[in-house]
């Protein structure tokens, strides 16, 4: 049986960005992770499920780690790390949003998506 879970709106204040002022001052980033994984039919046991806290830890490692320039690279790293860490996972979709991207005008956010499958 396959299950789908989403961790939505994971928010981090980090020092990523292509520009020096972004890396010095930091800014918020928002991450969504959608995971499809193999589960035992009808199981209600935590041991048979994907540990959401462990997934959060994988995301936080990238978001709180060494500064990266591109949100695309952040999404790709998180997706690869989730697949490498959790053998139950068949597919992971990662979205990284940057609410205050320096576009020269107003926007809700910029967003990069990365899809990884076994």
PDB file of N, CA and C in Angstrom:
ATOM      1  N   UNK A   1       0.838  -1.174   0.000  1.00  0.00           N
ATOM      2  CA  UNK A   1       0.000   0.000   0.000  1.00  0.00           C
ATOM      3  C   UNK A   1       0.890   1.247   0.000  1.00  0.00           C
ATOM      4  N   UNK A   2       0.515   2.223  -0.777  1.00  0.00           N
ATOM      5  CA  UNK A   2       1.249   3.483  -0.808  1.00  0.00           C
ATOM      6  C   UNK A   2       0.508   4.542   0.001  1.00  0.00           C
ATOM      7  N   UNK A   3       1.296   5.345   0.702  1.00  0.00           N
ATOM      8  CA  UNK A   3       0.749   6.470   1.445  1.00  0.00           C
ATOM      9  C   UNK A   3       1.417   7.745   0.957  1.00  0.00           C
ATOM     10  N   UNK A   4       0.695   8.844   1.089  1.00  0.00           N
ATOM     11  CA  UNK A   4       1.209  10.149   0.721  1.00  0.00           C
ATOM     12  C   UNK A   4       1.130  11.046   1.947  1.00  0.00           C
ATOM     13  N   UNK A   5       2.242  11.686   2.291  1.00  0.00           N
ATOM     14  CA  UNK A   5       2.231  12.663   3.375  1.00  0.00           C
ATOM     15  C   UNK A   5       2.804  13.975   2.856  1.00  0.00           C
ATOM     16  N   UNK A   6       2.416  15.053   3.503  1.00  0.00           N
ATOM     17  CA  UNK A   6       2.948  16.373   3.172  1.00  0.00           C
ATOM     18  C   UNK A   6       3.372  17.078   4.444  1.00  0.00           C
ATOM     19  N   UNK A   7       4.544  17.641   4.415  1.00  0.00           N
ATOM     20  CA  UNK A   7       4.985  18.560   5.448  1.00  0.00           C
ATOM     21  C   UNK A   7       4.970  19.919   4.768  1.00  0.00           C
ATOM     22  N   UNK A   8       4.075  20.781   5.188  1.00  0.00           N
ATOM     23  CA  UNK A   8       3.847  22.037   4.473  1.00  0.00           C
ATOM     24  C   UNK A   8       4.215  23.243   5.329  1.00  0.00           C
ATOM     25  N   UNK A   9       4.813  24.212   4.679  1.00  0.00           N
ATOM     26  CA  UNK A   9       5.098  25.474   5.339  1.00  0.00           C
ATOM     27  C   UNK A   9       6.227  25.427   6.349  1.00  0.00           C
ATOM     28  N   UNK A  10       7.181  24.523   6.150  1.00  0.00           N
ATOM     29  CA  UNK A  10       8.338  24.472   7.048  1.00  0.00           C
ATOM     30  C   UNK A  10       9.134  25.755   6.823  1.00  0.00           C
ATOM     31  N   UNK A  11       9.264  26.558   7.851  1.00  0.00           N
ATOM     32  CA  UNK A  11       9.829  27.892   7.697  1.00  0.00           C
ATOM     33  C   UNK A  11      11.181  28.008   8.392  1.00  0.00           C
ATOM     34  N   UNK A  12      12.134  28.553   7.663  1.00  0.00           N
ATOM     35  CA  UNK A  12      13.500  28.701   8.161  1.00  0.00           C
ATOM     36  C   UNK A  12      13.979  30.117   7.857  1.00  0.00           C
ATOM     37  N   UNK A  13      14.732  30.673   8.765  1.00  0.00           N
ATOM     38  CA  UNK A  13      15.430  31.931   8.507  1.00  0.00           C
ATOM     39  C   UNK A  13      16.869  31.540   8.241  1.00  0.00           C
ATOM     40  N   UNK A  14      17.345  31.795   7.022  1.00  0.00           N
ATOM     41  CA  UNK A  14      18.655  31.293   6.627  1.00  0.00           C
ATOM     42  C   UNK A  14      19.401  32.334   5.800  1.00  0.00           C
ATOM     43  N   UNK A  15      20.666  32.053   5.541  1.00  0.00           N
ATOM     44  CA  UNK A  15      21.556  32.993   4.858  1.00  0.00           C
ATOM     45  C   UNK A  15      21.913  32.524   3.448  1.00  0.00           C
ATOM     46  N   UNK A  16      20.926  32.004   2.732  1.00  0.00           N
ATOM     47  CA  UNK A  16      21.109  31.569   1.356  1.00  0.00           C
ATOM     48  C   UNK A  16      20.831  32.747   0.419  1.00  0.00           C
ATOM     49  N   UNK A  17      21.351  32.649  -0.793  1.00  0.00           N
ATOM     50  CA  UNK A  17      21.030  33.646  -1.801  1.00  0.00           C
ATOM     51  C   UNK A  17      22.200  33.908  -2.727  1.00  0.00           C
ATOM     52  N   UNK A  18      21.898  34.458  -3.871  1.00  0.00           N
ATOM     53  CA  UNK A  18      22.919  34.730  -4.892  1.00  0.00           C
ATOM     54  C   UNK A  18      23.690  36.019  -4.600  1.00  0.00           C
ATOM     55  N   UNK A  19      23.098  36.876  -3.777  1.00  0.00           N
ATOM     56  CA  UNK A  19      23.729  38.168  -3.508  1.00  0.00           C
ATOM     57  C   UNK A  19      24.333  38.202  -2.103  1.00  0.00           C
ATOM     58  N   UNK A  20      25.399  38.968  -2.001  1.00  0.00           N
ATOM     59  CA  UNK A  20      26.123  39.068  -0.723  1.00  0.00           C
ATOM     60  C   UNK A  20      25.219  39.524   0.420  1.00  0.00           C
ATOM     61  N   UNK A  21      24.372  40.529   0.161  1.00  0.00           N
ATOM     62  CA  UNK A  21      23.497  41.035   1.233  1.00  0.00           C
ATOM     63  C   UNK A  21      22.518  39.958   1.708  1.00  0.00           C
ATOM     64  N   UNK A  22      22.100  39.046   0.824  1.00  0.00           N
ATOM     65  CA  UNK A  22      21.211  37.953   1.233  1.00  0.00           C
ATOM     66  C   UNK A  22      21.948  37.005   2.173  1.00  0.00           C
ATOM     67  N   UNK A  23      23.185  36.709   1.834  1.00  0.00           N
ATOM     68  CA  UNK A  23      23.963  35.790   2.656  1.00  0.00           C
ATOM     69  C   UNK A  23      24.352  36.433   3.989  1.00  0.00           C
ATOM     70  N   UNK A  24      24.575  37.736   4.008  1.00  0.00           N
ATOM     71  CA  UNK A  24      24.933  38.415   5.256  1.00  0.00           C
ATOM     72  C   UNK A  24      23.731  38.624   6.167  1.00  0.00           C
ATOM     73  N   UNK A  25      22.635  39.109   5.611  1.00  0.00           N
ATOM     74  CA  UNK A  25      21.468  39.488   6.414  1.00  0.00           C
ATOM     75  C   UNK A  25      20.496  38.341   6.664  1.00  0.00           C
ATOM     76  N   UNK A  26      20.457  37.378   5.765  1.00  0.00           N
ATOM     77  CA  UNK A  26      19.499  36.284   5.879  1.00  0.00           C
ATOM     78  C   UNK A  26      18.105  36.707   5.470  1.00  0.00           C
ATOM     79  N   UNK A  27      17.222  35.707   5.379  1.00  0.00           N
ATOM     80  CA  UNK A  27      15.839  35.936   4.971  1.00  0.00           C
ATOM     81  C   UNK A  27      15.048  34.657   5.202  1.00  0.00           C
ATOM     82  N   UNK A  28      13.719  34.733   5.185  1.00  0.00           N
ATOM     83  CA  UNK A  28      12.928  33.521   5.378  1.00  0.00           C
ATOM     84  C   UNK A  28      12.843  32.683   4.102  1.00  0.00           C
ATOM     85  N   UNK A  29      12.748  31.388   4.304  1.00  0.00           N
ATOM     86  CA  UNK A  29      12.491  30.415   3.246  1.00  0.00           C
ATOM     87  C   UNK A  29      11.403  29.484   3.744  1.00  0.00           C
ATOM     88  N   UNK A  30      10.551  29.028   2.835  1.00  0.00           N
ATOM     89  CA  UNK A  30       9.462  28.120   3.187  1.00  0.00           C
ATOM     90  C   UNK A  30       9.590  26.869   2.323  1.00  0.00           C
ATOM     91  N   UNK A  31       9.510  25.704   2.976  1.00  0.00           N
ATOM     92  CA  UNK A  31       9.705  24.432   2.283  1.00  0.00           C
ATOM     93  C   UNK A  31       8.472  23.552   2.450  1.00  0.00           C
ATOM     94  N   UNK A  32       8.026  22.950   1.357  1.00  0.00           N
ATOM     95  CA  UNK A  32       6.989  21.919   1.374  1.00  0.00           C
ATOM     96  C   UNK A  32       7.615  20.631   0.870  1.00  0.00           C
ATOM     97  N   UNK A  33       7.300  19.523   1.539  1.00  0.00           N
ATOM     98  CA  UNK A  33       7.810  18.219   1.132  1.00  0.00           C
ATOM     99  C   UNK A  33       6.620  17.275   1.009  1.00  0.00           C
ATOM    100  N   UNK A  34       6.475  16.650  -0.145  1.00  0.00           N
ATOM    101  CA  UNK A  34       5.401  15.686  -0.404  1.00  0.00           C
ATOM    102  C   UNK A  34       6.058  14.339  -0.663  1.00  0.00           C
ATOM    103  N   UNK A  35       5.700  13.342   0.131  1.00  0.00           N
ATOM    104  CA  UNK A  35       6.382  12.056   0.072  1.00  0.00           C
ATOM    105  C   UNK A  35       5.383  10.925  -0.143  1.00  0.00           C
ATOM    106  N   UNK A  36       5.673  10.075  -1.125  1.00  0.00           N
ATOM    107  CA  UNK A  36       4.924   8.841  -1.332  1.00  0.00           C
ATOM    108  C   UNK A  36       5.816   7.707  -0.852  1.00  0.00           C
ATOM    109  N   UNK A  37       5.266   6.843   0.001  1.00  0.00           N
ATOM    110  CA  UNK A  37       6.084   5.754   0.548  1.00  0.00           C
ATOM    111  C   UNK A  37       5.277   4.475   0.695  1.00  0.00           C
ATOM    112  N   UNK A  38       5.997   3.361   0.809  1.00  0.00           N
ATOM    113  CA  UNK A  38       5.386   2.048   0.986  1.00  0.00           C
ATOM    114  C   UNK A  38       5.023   1.858   2.462  1.00  0.00           C
ATOM    115  N   UNK A  39       3.794   1.436   2.710  1.00  0.00           N
ATOM    116  CA  UNK A  39       3.343   1.199   4.083  1.00  0.00           C
ATOM    117  C   UNK A  39       2.666  -0.172   4.169  1.00  0.00           C
ATOM    118  N   UNK A  40       2.624  -0.708   5.372  1.00  0.00           N
ATOM    119  CA  UNK A  40       1.902  -1.958   5.595  1.00  0.00           C
ATOM    120  C   UNK A  40       0.409  -1.658   5.583  1.00  0.00           C
ATOM    121  N   UNK A  41      -0.357  -2.491   4.882  1.00  0.00           N
ATOM    122  CA  UNK A  41      -1.802  -2.281   4.767  1.00  0.00           C
ATOM    123  C   UNK A  41      -2.457  -2.140   6.130  1.00  0.00           C
ATOM    124  N   UNK A  42      -3.184  -1.042   6.304  1.00  0.00           N
ATOM    125  CA  UNK A  42      -4.008  -0.835   7.487  1.00  0.00           C
ATOM    126  C   UNK A  42      -3.251  -0.613   8.785  1.00  0.00           C
ATOM    127  N   UNK A  43      -1.951  -0.531   8.749  1.00  0.00           N
ATOM    128  CA  UNK A  43      -1.184  -0.380   9.981  1.00  0.00           C
ATOM    129  C   UNK A  43      -1.413   0.990  10.614  1.00  0.00           C
ATOM    130  N   UNK A  44      -1.540   1.004  11.922  1.00  0.00           N
ATOM    131  CA  UNK A  44      -1.670   2.226  12.694  1.00  0.00           C
ATOM    132  C   UNK A  44      -0.496   2.361  13.659  1.00  0.00           C
ATOM    133  N   UNK A  45       0.599   1.689  13.329  1.00  0.00           N
ATOM    134  CA  UNK A  45       1.784   1.698  14.194  1.00  0.00           C
ATOM    135  C   UNK A  45       2.804   2.708  13.660  1.00  0.00           C
ATOM    136  N   UNK A  46       3.338   3.500  14.552  1.00  0.00           N
ATOM    137  CA  UNK A  46       4.347   4.473  14.171  1.00  0.00           C
ATOM    138  C   UNK A  46       5.557   3.787  13.531  1.00  0.00           C
ATOM    139  N   UNK A  47       5.888   2.614  14.001  1.00  0.00           N
ATOM    140  CA  UNK A  47       7.040   1.877  13.463  1.00  0.00           C
ATOM    141  C   UNK A  47       6.858   1.515  11.985  1.00  0.00           C
ATOM    142  N   UNK A  48       5.617   1.480  11.509  1.00  0.00           N
ATOM    143  CA  UNK A  48       5.327   1.142  10.111  1.00  0.00           C
ATOM    144  C   UNK A  48       5.141   2.380   9.230  1.00  0.00           C
ATOM    145  N   UNK A  49       5.328   3.545   9.814  1.00  0.00           N
ATOM    146  CA  UNK A  49       5.101   4.798   9.084  1.00  0.00           C
ATOM    147  C   UNK A  49       6.413   5.548   8.899  1.00  0.00           C
ATOM    148  N   UNK A  50       6.345   6.618   8.157  1.00  0.00           N
ATOM    149  CA  UNK A  50       7.488   7.491   7.972  1.00  0.00           C
ATOM    150  C   UNK A  50       7.513   8.482   9.131  1.00  0.00           C
ATOM    151  N   UNK A  51       8.648   8.654   9.747  1.00  0.00           N
ATOM    152  CA  UNK A  51       8.809   9.535  10.900  1.00  0.00           C
ATOM    153  C   UNK A  51       8.901  10.989  10.426  1.00  0.00           C
ATOM    154  N   UNK A  52       7.855  11.764  10.634  1.00  0.00           N
ATOM    155  CA  UNK A  52       7.796  13.150  10.167  1.00  0.00           C
ATOM    156  C   UNK A  52       8.919  13.994  10.769  1.00  0.00           C
ATOM    157  N   UNK A  53       9.225  13.742  12.035  1.00  0.00           N
ATOM    158  CA  UNK A  53      10.281  14.513  12.692  1.00  0.00           C
ATOM    159  C   UNK A  53      11.639  14.239  12.044  1.00  0.00           C
ATOM    160  N   UNK A  54      11.863  13.003  11.649  1.00  0.00           N
ATOM    161  CA  UNK A  54      13.123  12.663  10.981  1.00  0.00           C
ATOM    162  C   UNK A  54      13.200  13.333   9.607  1.00  0.00           C
ATOM    163  N   UNK A  55      12.070  13.429   8.912  1.00  0.00           N
ATOM    164  CA  UNK A  55      12.040  14.133   7.626  1.00  0.00           C
ATOM    165  C   UNK A  55      12.362  15.607   7.852  1.00  0.00           C
ATOM    166  N   UNK A  56      11.753  16.201   8.871  1.00  0.00           N
ATOM    167  CA  UNK A  56      12.030  17.605   9.189  1.00  0.00           C
ATOM    168  C   UNK A  56      13.526  17.814   9.436  1.00  0.00           C
ATOM    169  N   UNK A  57      14.152  16.895  10.138  1.00  0.00           N
ATOM    170  CA  UNK A  57      15.580  16.997  10.434  1.00  0.00           C
ATOM    171  C   UNK A  57      16.407  17.011   9.157  1.00  0.00           C
ATOM    172  N   UNK A  58      16.037  16.193   8.176  1.00  0.00           N
ATOM    173  CA  UNK A  58      16.742  16.174   6.894  1.00  0.00           C
ATOM    174  C   UNK A  58      16.600  17.524   6.188  1.00  0.00           C
ATOM    175  N   UNK A  59      15.393  18.077   6.190  1.00  0.00           N
ATOM    176  CA  UNK A  59      15.158  19.381   5.558  1.00  0.00           C
ATOM    177  C   UNK A  59      15.974  20.465   6.282  1.00  0.00           C
ATOM    178  N   UNK A  60      15.922  20.457   7.600  1.00  0.00           N
ATOM    179  CA  UNK A  60      16.610  21.478   8.391  1.00  0.00           C
ATOM    180  C   UNK A  60      18.117  21.443   8.170  1.00  0.00           C
ATOM    181  N   UNK A  61      18.663  20.258   7.953  1.00  0.00           N
ATOM    182  CA  UNK A  61      20.111  20.138   7.728  1.00  0.00           C
ATOM    183  C   UNK A  61      20.545  20.978   6.524  1.00  0.00           C
ATOM    184  N   UNK A  62      19.775  20.950   5.451  1.00  0.00           N
ATOM    185  CA  UNK A  62      20.089  21.767   4.279  1.00  0.00           C
ATOM    186  C   UNK A  62      19.781  23.230   4.530  1.00  0.00           C
ATOM    187  N   UNK A  63      18.610  23.505   5.073  1.00  0.00           N
ATOM    188  CA  UNK A  63      18.185  24.891   5.224  1.00  0.00           C
ATOM    189  C   UNK A  63      19.008  25.646   6.261  1.00  0.00           C
ATOM    190  N   UNK A  64      19.504  24.950   7.269  1.00  0.00           N
ATOM    191  CA  UNK A  64      20.290  25.603   8.318  1.00  0.00           C
ATOM    192  C   UNK A  64      21.792  25.405   8.110  1.00  0.00           C
ATOM    193  N   UNK A  65      22.173  24.754   7.003  1.00  0.00           N
ATOM    194  CA  UNK A  65      23.570  24.441   6.738  1.00  0.00           C
ATOM    195  C   UNK A  65      24.275  25.522   5.939  1.00  0.00           C
ATOM    196  N   UNK A  66      25.318  25.094   5.248  1.00  0.00           N
ATOM    197  CA  UNK A  66      26.129  26.001   4.436  1.00  0.00           C
ATOM    198  C   UNK A  66      25.252  26.798   3.464  1.00  0.00           C
ATOM    199  N   UNK A  67      25.513  28.084   3.330  1.00  0.00           N
ATOM    200  CA  UNK A  67      24.726  28.886   2.395  1.00  0.00           C
ATOM    201  C   UNK A  67      24.812  28.361   0.959  1.00  0.00           C
ATOM    202  N   UNK A  68      23.675  28.382   0.307  1.00  0.00           N
ATOM    203  CA  UNK A  68      23.577  28.000  -1.104  1.00  0.00           C
ATOM    204  C   UNK A  68      23.071  29.212  -1.868  1.00  0.00           C
ATOM    205  N   UNK A  69      23.363  29.254  -3.141  1.00  0.00           N
ATOM    206  CA  UNK A  69      22.963  30.397  -3.957  1.00  0.00           C
ATOM    207  C   UNK A  69      21.540  30.254  -4.530  1.00  0.00           C
ATOM    208  N   UNK A  70      21.153  29.049  -4.911  1.00  0.00           N
ATOM    209  CA  UNK A  70      19.911  28.852  -5.657  1.00  0.00           C
ATOM    210  C   UNK A  70      18.891  28.023  -4.888  1.00  0.00           C
ATOM    211  N   UNK A  71      17.635  28.455  -4.923  1.00  0.00           N
ATOM    212  CA  UNK A  71      16.588  27.654  -4.291  1.00  0.00           C
ATOM    213  C   UNK A  71      16.400  26.335  -5.047  1.00  0.00           C
ATOM    214  N   UNK A  72      16.725  26.310  -6.327  1.00  0.00           N
ATOM    215  CA  UNK A  72      16.655  25.073  -7.095  1.00  0.00           C
ATOM    216  C   UNK A  72      17.610  24.029  -6.511  1.00  0.00           C
ATOM    217  N   UNK A  73      18.810  24.462  -6.176  1.00  0.00           N
ATOM    218  CA  UNK A  73      19.806  23.551  -5.601  1.00  0.00           C
ATOM    219  C   UNK A  73      19.375  23.074  -4.214  1.00  0.00           C
ATOM    220  N   UNK A  74      18.735  23.949  -3.445  1.00  0.00           N
ATOM    221  CA  UNK A  74      18.233  23.555  -2.127  1.00  0.00           C
ATOM    222  C   UNK A  74      17.189  22.452  -2.266  1.00  0.00           C
ATOM    223  N   UNK A  75      16.236  22.649  -3.179  1.00  0.00           N
ATOM    224  CA  UNK A  75      15.172  21.657  -3.392  1.00  0.00           C
ATOM    225  C   UNK A  75      15.762  20.325  -3.846  1.00  0.00           C
ATOM    226  N   UNK A  76      16.736  20.369  -4.743  1.00  0.00           N
ATOM    227  CA  UNK A  76      17.357  19.129  -5.226  1.00  0.00           C
ATOM    228  C   UNK A  76      18.096  18.401  -4.109  1.00  0.00           C
ATOM    229  N   UNK A  77      18.840  19.133  -3.298  1.00  0.00           N
ATOM    230  CA  UNK A  77      19.589  18.498  -2.209  1.00  0.00           C
ATOM    231  C   UNK A  77      18.645  17.844  -1.200  1.00  0.00           C
ATOM    232  N   UNK A  78      17.592  18.545  -0.852  1.00  0.00           N
ATOM    233  CA  UNK A  78      16.630  17.984   0.107  1.00  0.00           C
ATOM    234  C   UNK A  78      16.015  16.711  -0.466  1.00  0.00           C
ATOM    235  N   UNK A  79      15.598  16.737  -1.732  1.00  0.00           N
ATOM    236  CA  UNK A  79      14.997  15.558  -2.350  1.00  0.00           C
ATOM    237  C   UNK A  79      15.937  14.371  -2.370  1.00  0.00           C
ATOM    238  N   UNK A  80      17.185  14.602  -2.768  1.00  0.00           N
ATOM    239  CA  UNK A  80      18.179  13.520  -2.789  1.00  0.00           C
ATOM    240  C   UNK A  80      18.411  12.961  -1.389  1.00  0.00           C
ATOM    241  N   UNK A  81      18.506  13.855  -0.401  1.00  0.00           N
ATOM    242  CA  UNK A  81      18.773  13.416   0.972  1.00  0.00           C
ATOM    243  C   UNK A  81      17.606  12.629   1.558  1.00  0.00           C
ATOM    244  N   UNK A  82      16.375  13.030   1.235  1.00  0.00           N
ATOM    245  CA  UNK A  82      15.208  12.279   1.717  1.00  0.00           C
ATOM    246  C   UNK A  82      15.229  10.873   1.126  1.00  0.00           C
ATOM    247  N   UNK A  83      15.468  10.740  -0.178  1.00  0.00           N
ATOM    248  CA  UNK A  83      15.530   9.408  -0.797  1.00  0.00           C
ATOM    249  C   UNK A  83      16.650   8.561  -0.200  1.00  0.00           C
ATOM    250  N   UNK A  84      17.797   9.167   0.039  1.00  0.00           N
ATOM    251  CA  UNK A  84      18.937   8.423   0.578  1.00  0.00           C
ATOM    252  C   UNK A  84      18.716   7.998   2.029  1.00  0.00           C
ATOM    253  N   UNK A  85      17.960   8.773   2.775  1.00  0.00           N
ATOM    254  CA  UNK A  85      17.768   8.513   4.203  1.00  0.00           C
ATOM    255  C   UNK A  85      16.645   7.520   4.478  1.00  0.00           C
ATOM    256  N   UNK A  86      15.583   7.551   3.684  1.00  0.00           N
ATOM    257  CA  UNK A  86      14.393   6.756   3.970  1.00  0.00           C
ATOM    258  C   UNK A  86      14.143   5.764   2.834  1.00  0.00           C
ATOM    259  N   UNK A  87      14.439   4.528   3.089  1.00  0.00           N
ATOM    260  CA  UNK A  87      14.320   3.496   2.055  1.00  0.00           C
ATOM    261  C   UNK A  87      12.877   3.193   1.682  1.00  0.00           C
ATOM    262  N   UNK A  88      11.923   3.531   2.539  1.00  0.00           N
ATOM    263  CA  UNK A  88      10.505   3.317   2.232  1.00  0.00           C
ATOM    264  C   UNK A  88       9.990   4.274   1.154  1.00  0.00           C
ATOM    265  N   UNK A  89      10.689   5.382   0.962  1.00  0.00           N
ATOM    266  CA  UNK A  89      10.202   6.445   0.080  1.00  0.00           C
ATOM    267  C   UNK A  89      10.362   6.053  -1.389  1.00  0.00           C
ATOM    268  N   UNK A  90       9.253   6.197  -2.135  1.00  0.00           N
ATOM    269  CA  UNK A  90       9.255   5.959  -3.580  1.00  0.00           C
ATOM    270  C   UNK A  90       9.439   7.249  -4.368  1.00  0.00           C
ATOM    271  N   UNK A  91       8.846   8.324  -3.847  1.00  0.00           N
ATOM    272  CA  UNK A  91       8.859   9.599  -4.565  1.00  0.00           C
ATOM    273  C   UNK A  91       8.834  10.739  -3.554  1.00  0.00           C
ATOM    274  N   UNK A  92       9.574  11.791  -3.855  1.00  0.00           N
ATOM    275  CA  UNK A  92       9.542  12.985  -3.023  1.00  0.00           C
ATOM    276  C   UNK A  92       9.504  14.213  -3.932  1.00  0.00           C
ATOM    277  N   UNK A  93       8.599  15.123  -3.619  1.00  0.00           N
ATOM    278  CA  UNK A  93       8.485  16.400  -4.311  1.00  0.00           C
ATOM    279  C   UNK A  93       8.812  17.481  -3.284  1.00  0.00           C
ATOM    280  N   UNK A  94       9.768  18.326  -3.612  1.00  0.00           N
ATOM    281  CA  UNK A  94      10.202  19.376  -2.686  1.00  0.00           C
ATOM    282  C   UNK A  94       9.979  20.726  -3.359  1.00  0.00           C
ATOM    283  N   UNK A  95       9.361  21.638  -2.627  1.00  0.00           N
ATOM    284  CA  UNK A  95       9.189  23.008  -3.097  1.00  0.00           C
ATOM    285  C   UNK A  95       9.862  23.935  -2.092  1.00  0.00           C
ATOM    286  N   UNK A  96      10.727  24.805  -2.587  1.00  0.00           N
ATOM    287  CA  UNK A  96      11.362  25.814  -1.745  1.00  0.00           C
ATOM    288  C   UNK A  96      10.901  27.177  -2.244  1.00  0.00           C
ATOM    289  N   UNK A  97      10.322  27.956  -1.317  1.00  0.00           N
ATOM    290  CA  UNK A  97       9.837  29.293  -1.654  1.00  0.00           C
ATOM    291  C   UNK A  97      10.696  30.351  -0.963  1.00  0.00           C
ATOM    292  N   UNK A  98      10.874  31.433  -1.678  1.00  0.00           N
ATOM    293  CA  UNK A  98      11.645  32.572  -1.178  1.00  0.00           C
ATOM    294  C   UNK A  98      10.712  33.783  -1.225  1.00  0.00           C
ATOM    295  N   UNK A  99      10.118  34.140  -0.078  1.00  0.00           N
ATOM    296  CA  UNK A  99       9.137  35.224  -0.076  1.00  0.00           C
ATOM    297  C   UNK A  99       9.694  36.592  -0.473  1.00  0.00           C
ATOM    298  N   UNK A 100      10.933  36.863  -0.153  1.00  0.00           N
ATOM    299  CA  UNK A 100      11.472  38.202  -0.391  1.00  0.00           C
ATOM    300  C   UNK A 100      12.535  38.206  -1.472  1.00  0.00           C
ATOM    301  N   UNK A 101      12.336  37.485  -2.526  1.00  0.00           N
ATOM    302  CA  UNK A 101      13.328  37.449  -3.606  1.00  0.00           C
ATOM    303  C   UNK A 101      13.519  38.851  -4.187  1.00  0.00           C
ATOM    304  N   UNK A 102      14.773  39.242  -4.415  1.00  0.00           N
ATOM    305  CA  UNK A 102      15.044  40.587  -4.940  1.00  0.00           C
ATOM    306  C   UNK A 102      14.744  40.668  -6.449  1.00  0.00           C
ATOM    307  N   UNK A 103      13.480  40.855  -6.762  1.00  0.00           N
ATOM    308  CA  UNK A 103      13.049  40.877  -8.164  1.00  0.00           C
ATOM    309  C   UNK A 103      12.998  42.287  -8.754  1.00  0.00           C
ATOM    310  N   UNK A 104      13.029  43.292  -7.910  1.00  0.00           N
ATOM    311  CA  UNK A 104      12.870  44.660  -8.390  1.00  0.00           C
ATOM    312  C   UNK A 104      11.425  45.121  -8.349  1.00  0.00           C
ATOM    313  N   UNK A 105      10.558  44.267  -7.818  1.00  0.00           N
ATOM    314  CA  UNK A 105       9.145  44.593  -7.683  1.00  0.00           C
ATOM    315  C   UNK A 105       8.492  43.623  -6.721  1.00  0.00           C
ATOM    316  N   UNK A 106       7.219  43.802  -6.465  1.00  0.00           N
ATOM    317  CA  UNK A 106       6.503  42.977  -5.502  1.00  0.00           C
ATOM    318  C   UNK A 106       6.078  41.642  -6.087  1.00  0.00           C
ATOM    319  N   UNK A 107       6.133  40.617  -5.264  1.00  0.00           N
ATOM    320  CA  UNK A 107       5.607  39.306  -5.628  1.00  0.00           C
ATOM    321  C   UNK A 107       5.281  38.560  -4.347  1.00  0.00           C
ATOM    322  N   UNK A 108       4.462  37.552  -4.457  1.00  0.00           N
ATOM    323  CA  UNK A 108       4.150  36.727  -3.296  1.00  0.00           C
ATOM    324  C   UNK A 108       5.387  35.932  -2.876  1.00  0.00           C
ATOM    325  N   UNK A 109       6.045  35.303  -3.853  1.00  0.00           N
ATOM    326  CA  UNK A 109       7.276  34.548  -3.611  1.00  0.00           C
ATOM    327  C   UNK A 109       7.802  34.012  -4.937  1.00  0.00           C
ATOM    328  N   UNK A 110       9.037  33.537  -4.903  1.00  0.00           N
ATOM    329  CA  UNK A 110       9.546  32.729  -6.002  1.00  0.00           C
ATOM    330  C   UNK A 110       9.606  31.304  -5.473  1.00  0.00           C
ATOM    331  N   UNK A 111       9.564  30.332  -6.368  1.00  0.00           N
ATOM    332  CA  UNK A 111       9.480  28.942  -5.930  1.00  0.00           C
ATOM    333  C   UNK A 111      10.232  28.033  -6.899  1.00  0.00           C
ATOM    334  N   UNK A 112      10.940  27.061  -6.327  1.00  0.00           N
ATOM    335  CA  UNK A 112      11.586  26.020  -7.131  1.00  0.00           C
ATOM    336  C   UNK A 112      11.054  24.672  -6.672  1.00  0.00           C
ATOM    337  N   UNK A 113      10.840  23.779  -7.620  1.00  0.00           N
ATOM    338  CA  UNK A 113      10.336  22.447  -7.317  1.00  0.00           C
ATOM    339  C   UNK A 113      11.293  21.393  -7.862  1.00  0.00           C
ATOM    340  N   UNK A 114      11.495  20.351  -7.087  1.00  0.00           N
ATOM    341  CA  UNK A 114      12.345  19.256  -7.503  1.00  0.00           C
ATOM    342  C   UNK A 114      11.606  17.943  -7.225  1.00  0.00           C
ATOM    343  N   UNK A 115      11.605  17.035  -8.194  1.00  0.00           N
ATOM    344  CA  UNK A 115      10.912  15.758  -8.072  1.00  0.00           C
ATOM    345  C   UNK A 115      11.944  14.641  -8.167  1.00  0.00           C
ATOM    346  N   UNK A 116      11.889  13.713  -7.213  1.00  0.00           N
ATOM    347  CA  UNK A 116      12.843  12.594  -7.171  1.00  0.00           C
ATOM    348  C   UNK A 116      12.068  11.286  -6.996  1.00  0.00           C
ATOM    349  N   UNK A 117      12.417  10.271  -7.784  1.00  0.00           N
ATOM    350  CA  UNK A 117      11.757   8.969  -7.698  1.00  0.00           C
ATOM    351  C   UNK A 117      12.808   7.871  -7.724  1.00  0.00           C
ATOM    352  N   UNK A 118      12.456   6.756  -7.111  1.00  0.00           N
ATOM    353  CA  UNK A 118      13.333   5.572  -7.189  1.00  0.00           C
ATOM    354  C   UNK A 118      13.052   4.862  -8.494  1.00  0.00           C
TER     355      UNK A 118
END
